[in-house]
Amino acid sequence: MLPQPQSGMPAWLLVLLVAGGLIGLGFGLLTYMRSGSSDEPAAADASKAATKAVAKASDHPYSKVVEVAGLRVAESASQKLDIRMVVINHAAGELQEFKMQVDLNVTNAKPGAAPLASFTVKVAPIPALGMRDVRATAPTQLRAYEFPDWQFLRADFTLLSQ
């Protein structure tokens, strides 16, 4: 004996409606989550800006190919700041030894604000497309533990004559 035909909605239509509803719900949730996280790109840009230093306008030939990144701050035995950073050469040629004046600022510092610390450092030759670890000490009134975290620090630098 054959089963009686059922009246109502076909099974394939029910599957399509449920799938469409789930896809719509997922899309709506994704759109809501993206619109609510508009601060995240700004935070990501701020952290990128914190690791990259900005060269002040300079006539130095290396000013457009040098970047300072990877700032780390500790305290030496003489209670001076022990600052470690990476100086990057983006040029296709080797950079000869040079000096740079570095001002450490917080990332949201207003233009013209006094730096947290200021120091001059000598950078050894850097190979083409290479980098050099640089270490410096800087006198400051702040202790190392009072300094902002690395992601909130920015190193503004000016290249000095060789």
C-alpha atoms as a PDB file:
ATOM      1  CA  MET A   1       0.000   0.000   0.000  1.00  0.00           C
ATOM      2  CA  LEU A   2       1.304   3.462  -0.942  1.00  0.00           C
ATOM      3  CA  PRO A   3       1.381   6.238   1.647  1.00  0.00           C
ATOM      4  CA  GLN A   4      -1.182   8.995   1.312  1.00  0.00           C
ATOM      5  CA  PRO A   5       0.120  12.191  -0.255  1.00  0.00           C
ATOM      6  CA  GLN A   6       0.725  14.817   2.421  1.00  0.00           C
ATOM      7  CA  SER A   7      -0.722  18.257   2.127  1.00  0.00           C
ATOM      8  CA  GLY A   8       1.464  21.168   3.124  1.00  0.00           C
ATOM      9  CA  MET A   9       4.864  22.541   2.253  1.00  0.00           C
ATOM     10  CA  PRO A  10       7.306  20.388   0.289  1.00  0.00           C
ATOM     11  CA  ALA A  11      10.488  19.408   2.164  1.00  0.00           C
ATOM     12  CA  TRP A  12      12.797  21.047  -0.380  1.00  0.00           C
ATOM     13  CA  LEU A  13      11.056  24.408   0.126  1.00  0.00           C
ATOM     14  CA  LEU A  14      11.406  24.107   3.905  1.00  0.00           C
ATOM     15  CA  VAL A  15      15.156  23.406   3.536  1.00  0.00           C
ATOM     16  CA  LEU A  16      15.582  26.477   1.282  1.00  0.00           C
ATOM     17  CA  LEU A  17      13.713  28.727   3.728  1.00  0.00           C
ATOM     18  CA  VAL A  18      15.773  27.567   6.729  1.00  0.00           C
ATOM     19  CA  ALA A  19      19.055  27.923   4.794  1.00  0.00           C
ATOM     20  CA  GLY A  20      18.083  31.409   3.600  1.00  0.00           C
ATOM     21  CA  GLY A  21      17.140  32.437   7.130  1.00  0.00           C
ATOM     22  CA  LEU A  22      20.445  31.217   8.560  1.00  0.00           C
ATOM     23  CA  ILE A  23      22.459  32.953   5.838  1.00  0.00           C
ATOM     24  CA  GLY A  24      20.528  36.196   6.400  1.00  0.00           C
ATOM     25  CA  LEU A  25      21.029  35.973  10.151  1.00  0.00           C
ATOM     26  CA  GLY A  26      24.768  35.381   9.708  1.00  0.00           C
ATOM     27  CA  PHE A  27      25.094  38.311   7.301  1.00  0.00           C
ATOM     28  CA  GLY A  28      23.176  40.603   9.652  1.00  0.00           C
ATOM     29  CA  LEU A  29      25.314  39.563  12.604  1.00  0.00           C
ATOM     30  CA  LEU A  30      28.507  40.086  10.620  1.00  0.00           C
ATOM     31  CA  THR A  31      27.377  43.553   9.494  1.00  0.00           C
ATOM     32  CA  TYR A  32      26.477  44.478  13.065  1.00  0.00           C
ATOM     33  CA  MET A  33      29.843  43.282  14.381  1.00  0.00           C
ATOM     34  CA  ARG A  34      31.794  45.200  11.739  1.00  0.00           C
ATOM     35  CA  SER A  35      29.945  48.458  12.332  1.00  0.00           C
ATOM     36  CA  GLY A  36      30.521  48.153  16.080  1.00  0.00           C
ATOM     37  CA  SER A  37      34.274  47.641  15.706  1.00  0.00           C
ATOM     38  CA  SER A  38      35.094  50.832  13.812  1.00  0.00           C
ATOM     39  CA  ASP A  39      37.612  51.695  16.564  1.00  0.00           C
ATOM     40  CA  GLU A  40      39.712  48.593  15.853  1.00  0.00           C
ATOM     41  CA  PRO A  41      41.306  49.881  12.628  1.00  0.00           C
ATOM     42  CA  ALA A  42      42.202  53.111  14.406  1.00  0.00           C
ATOM     43  CA  ALA A  43      43.818  51.128  17.227  1.00  0.00           C
ATOM     44  CA  ALA A  44      45.690  48.977  14.720  1.00  0.00           C
ATOM     45  CA  ASP A  45      46.915  52.103  12.900  1.00  0.00           C
ATOM     46  CA  ALA A  46      47.994  53.619  16.207  1.00  0.00           C
ATOM     47  CA  SER A  47      50.061  50.582  17.082  1.00  0.00           C
ATOM     48  CA  LYS A  48      51.661  50.568  13.652  1.00  0.00           C
ATOM     49  CA  ALA A  49      52.437  54.254  14.021  1.00  0.00           C
ATOM     50  CA  ALA A  50      53.927  53.545  17.420  1.00  0.00           C
ATOM     51  CA  THR A  51      56.452  51.095  16.039  1.00  0.00           C
ATOM     52  CA  LYS A  52      57.362  53.261  13.096  1.00  0.00           C
ATOM     53  CA  ALA A  53      59.179  56.494  13.754  1.00  0.00           C
ATOM     54  CA  VAL A  54      58.737  59.647  11.771  1.00  0.00           C
ATOM     55  CA  ALA A  55      61.715  61.481  10.326  1.00  0.00           C
ATOM     56  CA  LYS A  56      61.454  65.231  10.595  1.00  0.00           C
ATOM     57  CA  ALA A  57      61.976  67.247   7.449  1.00  0.00           C
ATOM     58  CA  SER A  58      65.670  67.075   6.759  1.00  0.00           C
ATOM     59  CA  ASP A  59      68.137  67.699   3.970  1.00  0.00           C
ATOM     60  CA  HIS A  60      70.035  64.571   4.953  1.00  0.00           C
ATOM     61  CA  PRO A  61      70.340  62.134   2.005  1.00  0.00           C
ATOM     62  CA  TYR A  62      69.198  59.187   4.159  1.00  0.00           C
ATOM     63  CA  SER A  63      66.076  60.903   5.526  1.00  0.00           C
ATOM     64  CA  LYS A  64      63.670  59.113   3.167  1.00  0.00           C
ATOM     65  CA  VAL A  65      65.095  55.612   3.541  1.00  0.00           C
ATOM     66  CA  VAL A  66      65.584  55.289   7.309  1.00  0.00           C
ATOM     67  CA  GLU A  67      62.975  53.985   9.748  1.00  0.00           C
ATOM     68  CA  VAL A  68      63.133  53.442  13.506  1.00  0.00           C
ATOM     69  CA  ALA A  69      61.072  50.578  14.950  1.00  0.00           C
ATOM     70  CA  GLY A  70      60.988  48.117  17.833  1.00  0.00           C
ATOM     71  CA  LEU A  71      61.418  50.543  20.707  1.00  0.00           C
ATOM     72  CA  ARG A  72      62.200  48.940  24.061  1.00  0.00           C
ATOM     73  CA  VAL A  73      62.781  50.913  27.257  1.00  0.00           C
ATOM     74  CA  ALA A  74      64.536  49.625  30.384  1.00  0.00           C
ATOM     75  CA  GLU A  75      66.496  51.214  33.205  1.00  0.00           C
ATOM     76  CA  SER A  76      70.273  51.026  33.557  1.00  0.00           C
ATOM     77  CA  ALA A  77      72.103  50.728  36.878  1.00  0.00           C
ATOM     78  CA  SER A  78      72.679  54.500  36.869  1.00  0.00           C
ATOM     79  CA  GLN A  79      68.894  55.063  36.670  1.00  0.00           C
ATOM     80  CA  LYS A  80      69.070  56.305  33.107  1.00  0.00           C
ATOM     81  CA  LEU A  81      66.873  54.975  30.370  1.00  0.00           C
ATOM     82  CA  ASP A  82      68.368  52.121  28.393  1.00  0.00           C
ATOM     83  CA  ILE A  83      66.682  52.379  24.998  1.00  0.00           C
ATOM     84  CA  ARG A  84      66.898  49.680  22.358  1.00  0.00           C
ATOM     85  CA  MET A  85      65.573  50.105  18.844  1.00  0.00           C
ATOM     86  CA  VAL A  86      65.984  48.846  15.328  1.00  0.00           C
ATOM     87  CA  VAL A  87      67.098  51.222  12.586  1.00  0.00           C
ATOM     88  CA  ILE A  88      65.986  49.982   9.176  1.00  0.00           C
ATOM     89  CA  ASN A  89      67.514  50.803   5.791  1.00  0.00           C
ATOM     90  CA  HIS A  90      64.897  50.720   3.027  1.00  0.00           C
ATOM     91  CA  ALA A  91      67.431  51.691   0.341  1.00  0.00           C
ATOM     92  CA  ALA A  92      68.972  49.324  -2.183  1.00  0.00           C
ATOM     93  CA  GLY A  93      72.435  50.565  -1.198  1.00  0.00           C
ATOM     94  CA  GLU A  94      74.458  50.417   2.018  1.00  0.00           C
ATOM     95  CA  LEU A  95      74.176  53.371   4.408  1.00  0.00           C
ATOM     96  CA  GLN A  96      77.414  54.613   5.913  1.00  0.00           C
ATOM     97  CA  GLU A  97      77.712  55.482   9.606  1.00  0.00           C
ATOM     98  CA  PHE A  98      75.540  58.434  10.688  1.00  0.00           C
ATOM     99  CA  LYS A  99      74.165  60.151  13.784  1.00  0.00           C
ATOM    100  CA  MET A 100      70.567  60.843  14.638  1.00  0.00           C
ATOM    101  CA  GLN A 101      68.761  62.927  17.234  1.00  0.00           C
ATOM    102  CA  VAL A 102      65.833  60.934  18.670  1.00  0.00           C
ATOM    103  CA  ASP A 103      62.908  62.362  20.654  1.00  0.00           C
ATOM    104  CA  LEU A 104      60.646  59.846  22.406  1.00  0.00           C
ATOM    105  CA  ASN A 105      57.027  60.975  22.524  1.00  0.00           C
ATOM    106  CA  VAL A 106      53.708  59.366  23.307  1.00  0.00           C
ATOM    107  CA  THR A 107      51.725  58.506  20.184  1.00  0.00           C
ATOM    108  CA  ASN A 108      48.957  61.006  20.963  1.00  0.00           C
ATOM    109  CA  ALA A 109      51.305  63.884  21.862  1.00  0.00           C
ATOM    110  CA  LYS A 110      50.285  67.289  20.580  1.00  0.00           C
ATOM    111  CA  PRO A 111      52.624  68.935  18.084  1.00  0.00           C
ATOM    112  CA  GLY A 112      55.239  70.965  19.908  1.00  0.00           C
ATOM    113  CA  ALA A 113      54.875  69.021  23.178  1.00  0.00           C
ATOM    114  CA  ALA A 114      58.070  68.357  25.096  1.00  0.00           C
ATOM    115  CA  PRO A 115      59.464  64.849  24.475  1.00  0.00           C
ATOM    116  CA  LEU A 116      59.618  62.277  27.269  1.00  0.00           C
ATOM    117  CA  ALA A 117      63.296  61.738  26.515  1.00  0.00           C
ATOM    118  CA  SER A 118      65.761  63.036  23.976  1.00  0.00           C
ATOM    119  CA  PHE A 119      69.129  61.609  22.949  1.00  0.00           C
ATOM    120  CA  THR A 120      71.689  61.416  20.150  1.00  0.00           C
ATOM    121  CA  VAL A 121      72.834  58.049  18.871  1.00  0.00           C
ATOM    122  CA  LYS A 122      75.508  56.925  16.413  1.00  0.00           C
ATOM    123  CA  VAL A 123      74.348  54.265  13.960  1.00  0.00           C
ATOM    124  CA  ALA A 124      76.911  51.896  12.456  1.00  0.00           C
ATOM    125  CA  PRO A 125      76.768  51.173   8.703  1.00  0.00           C
ATOM    126  CA  ILE A 126      73.587  49.375   7.637  1.00  0.00           C
ATOM    127  CA  PRO A 127      73.645  46.976   4.675  1.00  0.00           C
ATOM    128  CA  ALA A 128      71.281  47.396   1.736  1.00  0.00           C
ATOM    129  CA  LEU A 129      67.682  46.595   2.736  1.00  0.00           C
ATOM    130  CA  GLY A 130      69.012  45.640   6.167  1.00  0.00           C
ATOM    131  CA  MET A 131      68.654  46.695   9.759  1.00  0.00           C
ATOM    132  CA  ARG A 132      70.835  47.442  12.748  1.00  0.00           C
ATOM    133  CA  ASP A 133      70.099  47.035  16.468  1.00  0.00           C
ATOM    134  CA  VAL A 134      70.936  50.278  18.249  1.00  0.00           C
ATOM    135  CA  ARG A 135      71.243  50.914  21.962  1.00  0.00           C
ATOM    136  CA  ALA A 136      71.367  54.291  23.708  1.00  0.00           C
ATOM    137  CA  THR A 137      71.018  55.809  27.154  1.00  0.00           C
ATOM    138  CA  ALA A 138      68.959  58.884  27.840  1.00  0.00           C
ATOM    139  CA  PRO A 139      68.657  60.991  30.970  1.00  0.00           C
ATOM    140  CA  THR A 140      65.070  61.609  32.073  1.00  0.00           C
ATOM    141  CA  GLN A 141      63.033  62.461  35.158  1.00  0.00           C
ATOM    142  CA  LEU A 142      60.836  59.380  34.626  1.00  0.00           C
ATOM    143  CA  ARG A 143      61.710  55.895  35.750  1.00  0.00           C
ATOM    144  CA  ALA A 144      61.454  53.094  33.179  1.00  0.00           C
ATOM    145  CA  TYR A 145      58.333  51.661  34.816  1.00  0.00           C
ATOM    146  CA  GLU A 146      56.648  55.098  34.526  1.00  0.00           C
ATOM    147  CA  PHE A 147      57.189  55.125  30.763  1.00  0.00           C
ATOM    148  CA  PRO A 148      54.311  54.216  28.458  1.00  0.00           C
ATOM    149  CA  ASP A 149      54.330  50.763  26.885  1.00  0.00           C
ATOM    150  CA  TRP A 150      56.152  50.368  23.578  1.00  0.00           C
ATOM    151  CA  GLN A 151      52.927  50.521  21.539  1.00  0.00           C
ATOM    152  CA  PHE A 152      52.269  54.041  22.889  1.00  0.00           C
ATOM    153  CA  LEU A 153      55.758  55.368  22.142  1.00  0.00           C
ATOM    154  CA  ARG A 154      56.851  57.138  18.994  1.00  0.00           C
ATOM    155  CA  ALA A 155      60.431  58.008  18.104  1.00  0.00           C
ATOM    156  CA  ASP A 156      60.649  61.240  16.125  1.00  0.00           C
ATOM    157  CA  PHE A 157      64.123  61.533  14.717  1.00  0.00           C
ATOM    158  CA  THR A 158      66.317  63.932  12.797  1.00  0.00           C
ATOM    159  CA  LEU A 159      69.339  62.654  10.908  1.00  0.00           C
ATOM    160  CA  LEU A 160      72.451  64.667  11.635  1.00  0.00           C
ATOM    161  CA  SER A 161      75.494  65.170   9.442  1.00  0.00           C
ATOM    162  CA  GLN A 162      77.788  62.209   9.084  1.00  0.00           C
END
